[in-house]
Amino acid sequence: MTDSVKPIAPITLPNVQHPEQEEEWLRKSLHTWLDEEFLPETVNGKIAQRAAKIFVRQRMEGENDLGSLVIAIIAEMRAFDFSRSFYSEFAVANAVSDLILDSLGIDRCCGG
């Protein structure tokens, strides 16, 4: 690794204080994002609900590393039937990451 290339520092979230509120915020935010990114679809609500539950359950189990949370969403959403959706588990996990980074005021462009 050269001196000019530095790894991206992990993003550690604060411990969860209000899991129900965090889950509801993420569910609503992700559902809105899914509906606005392409077309509003009935399945978007189910996708958002499942992803938010995975995220908060992982947080309640003590996982606060955003990268690990994204991987957990990808792994667990593989069992979800995306056949009626424009999305995949990867798009959903990336959207969750973007929403969390935005909520924390972290620039998600260019590793900033």
N, C-alpha and C. Protein backbone atom coordinates (compact mmCIF):
# COMPACT_ATOMS: atom_id res chain seq x y z
N MET A 1 0.86 -1.17 0.00
CA MET A 1 0.00 0.00 0.00
C MET A 1 0.91 1.24 0.00
N THR A 2 0.61 2.16 -0.88
CA THR A 2 1.41 3.37 -0.94
C THR A 2 0.93 4.36 0.12
N ASP A 3 1.75 5.39 0.34
CA ASP A 3 1.40 6.39 1.35
C ASP A 3 0.16 7.18 0.96
N SER A 4 -0.13 7.29 -0.33
CA SER A 4 -1.28 8.09 -0.76
C SER A 4 -2.61 7.35 -0.65
N VAL A 5 -2.56 6.03 -0.49
CA VAL A 5 -3.79 5.25 -0.39
C VAL A 5 -4.01 4.89 1.07
N LYS A 6 -5.11 5.37 1.60
CA LYS A 6 -5.43 5.08 2.99
C LYS A 6 -6.76 4.34 3.05
N PRO A 7 -6.84 3.34 3.92
CA PRO A 7 -8.12 2.63 4.03
C PRO A 7 -9.19 3.55 4.60
N ILE A 8 -10.42 3.26 4.23
CA ILE A 8 -11.54 4.03 4.78
C ILE A 8 -11.76 3.57 6.21
N ALA A 9 -11.82 4.52 7.10
CA ALA A 9 -12.02 4.20 8.51
C ALA A 9 -13.40 3.61 8.72
N PRO A 10 -13.50 2.63 9.62
CA PRO A 10 -14.83 2.08 9.90
C PRO A 10 -15.73 3.13 10.53
N ILE A 11 -17.01 2.98 10.32
CA ILE A 11 -17.98 3.90 10.92
C ILE A 11 -18.71 3.13 12.01
N THR A 12 -18.50 3.57 13.23
CA THR A 12 -19.12 2.91 14.38
C THR A 12 -20.27 3.79 14.87
N LEU A 13 -21.45 3.21 14.90
CA LEU A 13 -22.63 3.93 15.36
C LEU A 13 -22.68 3.93 16.89
N PRO A 14 -23.28 4.96 17.46
CA PRO A 14 -23.45 4.95 18.91
C PRO A 14 -24.39 3.81 19.30
N ASN A 15 -24.28 3.35 20.54
CA ASN A 15 -25.19 2.30 21.00
C ASN A 15 -26.63 2.74 20.80
N VAL A 16 -27.47 1.77 20.49
CA VAL A 16 -28.88 2.07 20.26
C VAL A 16 -29.54 2.44 21.59
N GLN A 17 -30.26 3.54 21.58
CA GLN A 17 -30.95 4.01 22.78
C GLN A 17 -32.45 3.76 22.72
N HIS A 18 -33.02 3.93 21.55
CA HIS A 18 -34.47 3.78 21.35
C HIS A 18 -34.70 2.90 20.13
N PRO A 19 -34.62 1.58 20.30
CA PRO A 19 -34.69 0.68 19.14
C PRO A 19 -35.99 0.79 18.35
N GLU A 20 -37.11 0.99 19.04
CA GLU A 20 -38.38 1.08 18.31
C GLU A 20 -38.40 2.32 17.42
N GLN A 21 -37.89 3.43 17.94
CA GLN A 21 -37.85 4.67 17.15
C GLN A 21 -36.88 4.53 15.99
N GLU A 22 -35.74 3.90 16.24
CA GLU A 22 -34.74 3.71 15.18
C GLU A 22 -35.31 2.83 14.07
N GLU A 23 -36.00 1.76 14.45
CA GLU A 23 -36.59 0.87 13.45
C GLU A 23 -37.66 1.59 12.64
N GLU A 24 -38.51 2.35 13.32
CA GLU A 24 -39.59 3.07 12.62
C GLU A 24 -39.02 4.13 11.68
N TRP A 25 -38.00 4.86 12.13
CA TRP A 25 -37.37 5.87 11.27
C TRP A 25 -36.77 5.22 10.03
N LEU A 26 -36.03 4.12 10.24
CA LEU A 26 -35.39 3.46 9.11
C LEU A 26 -36.44 2.87 8.16
N ARG A 27 -37.49 2.26 8.71
CA ARG A 27 -38.54 1.69 7.86
C ARG A 27 -39.17 2.77 6.98
N LYS A 28 -39.55 3.89 7.60
CA LYS A 28 -40.19 4.97 6.83
C LYS A 28 -39.22 5.58 5.82
N SER A 29 -38.00 5.85 6.25
CA SER A 29 -37.00 6.47 5.36
C SER A 29 -36.67 5.58 4.18
N LEU A 30 -36.48 4.29 4.45
CA LEU A 30 -36.16 3.36 3.36
C LEU A 30 -37.34 3.18 2.43
N HIS A 31 -38.54 3.10 2.98
CA HIS A 31 -39.74 2.96 2.14
C HIS A 31 -39.87 4.17 1.20
N THR A 32 -39.68 5.36 1.74
CA THR A 32 -39.72 6.57 0.92
C THR A 32 -38.66 6.52 -0.17
N TRP A 33 -37.44 6.13 0.19
CA TRP A 33 -36.35 6.06 -0.78
C TRP A 33 -36.69 5.06 -1.88
N LEU A 34 -37.17 3.89 -1.50
CA LEU A 34 -37.52 2.86 -2.49
C LEU A 34 -38.59 3.36 -3.45
N ASP A 35 -39.61 4.03 -2.90
CA ASP A 35 -40.70 4.55 -3.74
C ASP A 35 -40.24 5.66 -4.68
N GLU A 36 -39.31 6.47 -4.22
CA GLU A 36 -38.86 7.61 -5.03
C GLU A 36 -37.78 7.25 -6.03
N GLU A 37 -37.00 6.22 -5.75
CA GLU A 37 -35.88 5.85 -6.62
C GLU A 37 -36.38 5.31 -7.96
N PHE A 38 -37.40 4.46 -7.93
CA PHE A 38 -38.02 3.96 -9.16
C PHE A 38 -39.51 4.26 -9.09
N LEU A 39 -40.31 3.21 -9.04
CA LEU A 39 -41.75 3.38 -8.96
C LEU A 39 -42.25 2.89 -7.60
N PRO A 40 -43.26 3.56 -7.06
CA PRO A 40 -43.85 3.04 -5.82
C PRO A 40 -44.45 1.64 -6.09
N GLU A 41 -44.07 0.69 -5.28
CA GLU A 41 -44.57 -0.67 -5.41
C GLU A 41 -45.01 -1.16 -4.04
N THR A 42 -46.01 -2.01 -4.01
CA THR A 42 -46.50 -2.57 -2.75
C THR A 42 -45.39 -3.28 -1.99
N VAL A 43 -44.55 -3.98 -2.72
CA VAL A 43 -43.48 -4.76 -2.09
C VAL A 43 -42.46 -3.88 -1.36
N ASN A 44 -42.37 -2.61 -1.73
CA ASN A 44 -41.40 -1.72 -1.08
C ASN A 44 -41.62 -1.62 0.42
N GLY A 45 -42.86 -1.62 0.85
CA GLY A 45 -43.14 -1.57 2.28
C GLY A 45 -42.63 -2.81 3.00
N LYS A 46 -42.77 -3.96 2.37
CA LYS A 46 -42.30 -5.22 2.95
C LYS A 46 -40.77 -5.25 2.99
N ILE A 47 -40.15 -4.76 1.94
CA ILE A 47 -38.69 -4.69 1.90
C ILE A 47 -38.18 -3.80 3.03
N ALA A 48 -38.77 -2.61 3.14
CA ALA A 48 -38.33 -1.66 4.16
C ALA A 48 -38.54 -2.21 5.57
N GLN A 49 -39.66 -2.85 5.79
CA GLN A 49 -39.94 -3.42 7.11
C GLN A 49 -38.92 -4.50 7.46
N ARG A 50 -38.65 -5.39 6.52
CA ARG A 50 -37.69 -6.49 6.76
C ARG A 50 -36.30 -5.95 7.02
N ALA A 51 -35.83 -5.03 6.19
CA ALA A 51 -34.48 -4.47 6.35
C ALA A 51 -34.34 -3.74 7.69
N ALA A 52 -35.36 -2.97 8.07
CA ALA A 52 -35.31 -2.24 9.34
C ALA A 52 -35.26 -3.20 10.52
N LYS A 53 -36.01 -4.29 10.45
CA LYS A 53 -36.00 -5.29 11.52
C LYS A 53 -34.63 -5.95 11.64
N ILE A 54 -34.04 -6.30 10.52
CA ILE A 54 -32.70 -6.90 10.53
C ILE A 54 -31.71 -5.93 11.16
N PHE A 55 -31.74 -4.69 10.69
CA PHE A 55 -30.81 -3.67 11.17
C PHE A 55 -30.92 -3.50 12.68
N VAL A 56 -32.11 -3.33 13.19
CA VAL A 56 -32.29 -3.07 14.62
C VAL A 56 -31.99 -4.32 15.43
N ARG A 57 -32.36 -5.49 14.95
CA ARG A 57 -32.02 -6.71 15.68
C ARG A 57 -30.50 -6.86 15.81
N GLN A 58 -29.79 -6.60 14.73
CA GLN A 58 -28.33 -6.66 14.78
C GLN A 58 -27.77 -5.64 15.78
N ARG A 59 -28.35 -4.45 15.77
CA ARG A 59 -27.92 -3.40 16.72
C ARG A 59 -28.19 -3.83 18.16
N MET A 60 -29.33 -4.45 18.40
CA MET A 60 -29.67 -4.90 19.75
C MET A 60 -28.75 -6.03 20.21
N GLU A 61 -28.19 -6.76 19.25
CA GLU A 61 -27.24 -7.81 19.57
C GLU A 61 -25.82 -7.26 19.75
N GLY A 62 -25.68 -5.93 19.65
CA GLY A 62 -24.41 -5.29 19.94
C GLY A 62 -23.57 -4.90 18.73
N GLU A 63 -24.08 -5.09 17.52
CA GLU A 63 -23.32 -4.72 16.32
C GLU A 63 -23.52 -3.23 16.04
N ASN A 64 -22.43 -2.48 16.04
CA ASN A 64 -22.50 -1.05 15.78
C ASN A 64 -21.65 -0.61 14.60
N ASP A 65 -20.93 -1.56 13.97
CA ASP A 65 -20.12 -1.24 12.81
C ASP A 65 -21.01 -1.21 11.58
N LEU A 66 -21.05 -0.05 10.91
CA LEU A 66 -21.96 0.11 9.77
C LEU A 66 -21.66 -0.89 8.66
N GLY A 67 -20.40 -1.16 8.38
CA GLY A 67 -20.05 -2.14 7.35
C GLY A 67 -20.58 -3.52 7.67
N SER A 68 -20.46 -3.93 8.92
CA SER A 68 -20.98 -5.23 9.34
C SER A 68 -22.50 -5.28 9.28
N LEU A 69 -23.14 -4.16 9.60
CA LEU A 69 -24.60 -4.09 9.51
C LEU A 69 -25.06 -4.23 8.06
N VAL A 70 -24.35 -3.60 7.15
CA VAL A 70 -24.68 -3.70 5.72
C VAL A 70 -24.55 -5.15 5.25
N ILE A 71 -23.48 -5.81 5.66
CA ILE A 71 -23.28 -7.21 5.27
C ILE A 71 -24.38 -8.10 5.85
N ALA A 72 -24.79 -7.83 7.08
CA ALA A 72 -25.87 -8.61 7.70
C ALA A 72 -27.17 -8.43 6.92
N ILE A 73 -27.45 -7.22 6.48
CA ILE A 73 -28.67 -6.98 5.69
C ILE A 73 -28.60 -7.74 4.38
N ILE A 74 -27.45 -7.69 3.71
CA ILE A 74 -27.29 -8.43 2.45
C ILE A 74 -27.52 -9.92 2.69
N ALA A 75 -26.87 -10.47 3.71
CA ALA A 75 -26.97 -11.90 3.98
C ALA A 75 -28.40 -12.32 4.29
N GLU A 76 -29.07 -11.56 5.14
CA GLU A 76 -30.42 -11.95 5.56
C GLU A 76 -31.49 -11.63 4.52
N MET A 77 -31.26 -10.61 3.71
CA MET A 77 -32.26 -10.27 2.68
C MET A 77 -32.17 -11.21 1.47
N ARG A 78 -31.14 -12.05 1.40
CA ARG A 78 -31.05 -13.02 0.30
C ARG A 78 -32.26 -13.94 0.27
N ALA A 79 -32.86 -14.18 1.44
CA ALA A 79 -34.02 -15.07 1.51
C ALA A 79 -35.31 -14.35 1.08
N PHE A 80 -35.25 -13.04 0.92
CA PHE A 80 -36.43 -12.27 0.53
C PHE A 80 -36.69 -12.46 -0.97
N ASP A 81 -37.95 -12.55 -1.35
CA ASP A 81 -38.33 -12.70 -2.76
C ASP A 81 -38.38 -11.33 -3.43
N PHE A 82 -37.36 -11.01 -4.19
CA PHE A 82 -37.27 -9.73 -4.89
C PHE A 82 -37.86 -9.80 -6.31
N SER A 83 -38.56 -10.87 -6.64
CA SER A 83 -39.05 -11.05 -8.01
C SER A 83 -40.07 -9.99 -8.42
N ARG A 84 -40.72 -9.34 -7.47
CA ARG A 84 -41.70 -8.29 -7.78
C ARG A 84 -41.14 -6.89 -7.51
N SER A 85 -39.83 -6.79 -7.57
CA SER A 85 -39.18 -5.53 -7.21
C SER A 85 -38.08 -5.19 -8.21
N PHE A 86 -37.77 -3.91 -8.29
CA PHE A 86 -36.62 -3.46 -9.08
C PHE A 86 -35.32 -3.66 -8.30
N TYR A 87 -35.41 -3.96 -7.02
CA TYR A 87 -34.26 -3.95 -6.13
C TYR A 87 -33.72 -5.34 -5.86
N SER A 88 -32.55 -5.35 -5.21
CA SER A 88 -31.91 -6.58 -4.73
C SER A 88 -31.44 -6.31 -3.31
N GLU A 89 -30.96 -7.35 -2.66
CA GLU A 89 -30.45 -7.18 -1.30
C GLU A 89 -29.28 -6.18 -1.26
N PHE A 90 -28.51 -6.10 -2.33
CA PHE A 90 -27.38 -5.17 -2.36
C PHE A 90 -27.85 -3.72 -2.43
N ALA A 91 -28.83 -3.46 -3.28
CA ALA A 91 -29.37 -2.10 -3.39
C ALA A 91 -30.00 -1.66 -2.08
N VAL A 92 -30.71 -2.56 -1.42
CA VAL A 92 -31.37 -2.23 -0.16
C VAL A 92 -30.32 -1.93 0.92
N ALA A 93 -29.31 -2.79 1.03
CA ALA A 93 -28.27 -2.58 2.04
C ALA A 93 -27.51 -1.28 1.79
N ASN A 94 -27.22 -0.99 0.52
CA ASN A 94 -26.53 0.27 0.20
C ASN A 94 -27.41 1.47 0.53
N ALA A 95 -28.70 1.37 0.27
CA ALA A 95 -29.61 2.46 0.60
C ALA A 95 -29.67 2.68 2.10
N VAL A 96 -29.70 1.61 2.89
CA VAL A 96 -29.69 1.74 4.35
C VAL A 96 -28.42 2.46 4.79
N SER A 97 -27.30 2.05 4.25
CA SER A 97 -26.03 2.71 4.59
C SER A 97 -26.08 4.19 4.26
N ASP A 98 -26.55 4.54 3.08
CA ASP A 98 -26.64 5.95 2.68
C ASP A 98 -27.56 6.74 3.61
N LEU A 99 -28.69 6.15 3.96
CA LEU A 99 -29.63 6.84 4.86
C LEU A 99 -29.00 7.08 6.24
N ILE A 100 -28.29 6.08 6.74
CA ILE A 100 -27.63 6.22 8.05
C ILE A 100 -26.55 7.29 7.97
N LEU A 101 -25.72 7.24 6.94
CA LEU A 101 -24.66 8.24 6.79
C LEU A 101 -25.25 9.65 6.68
N ASP A 102 -26.30 9.79 5.89
CA ASP A 102 -26.96 11.09 5.77
C ASP A 102 -27.48 11.57 7.12
N SER A 103 -28.07 10.66 7.89
CA SER A 103 -28.64 11.05 9.19
C SER A 103 -27.56 11.48 10.17
N LEU A 104 -26.35 10.97 9.98
CA LEU A 104 -25.23 11.33 10.85
C LEU A 104 -24.45 12.53 10.33
N GLY A 105 -24.84 13.02 9.15
CA GLY A 105 -24.14 14.15 8.55
C GLY A 105 -22.78 13.80 7.99
N ILE A 106 -22.60 12.53 7.63
CA ILE A 106 -21.32 12.07 7.08
C ILE A 106 -21.41 12.10 5.57
N ASP A 107 -20.45 12.77 4.94
CA ASP A 107 -20.40 12.86 3.48
C ASP A 107 -20.09 11.46 2.93
N ARG A 108 -20.97 10.94 2.11
CA ARG A 108 -20.77 9.60 1.57
C ARG A 108 -20.09 9.62 0.20
N CYS A 109 -19.72 10.77 -0.26
CA CYS A 109 -19.02 10.88 -1.53
C CYS A 109 -17.50 10.81 -1.32
N CYS A 110 -16.89 9.95 -2.05
CA CYS A 110 -15.44 9.93 -2.12
C CYS A 110 -14.77 9.61 -0.78
N GLY A 111 -15.46 8.89 0.07
CA GLY A 111 -14.87 8.50 1.36
C GLY A 111 -14.66 9.64 2.31
N GLY A 112 -15.39 10.76 2.11
CA GLY A 112 -15.17 11.94 2.92
C GLY A 112 -15.76 11.90 4.26
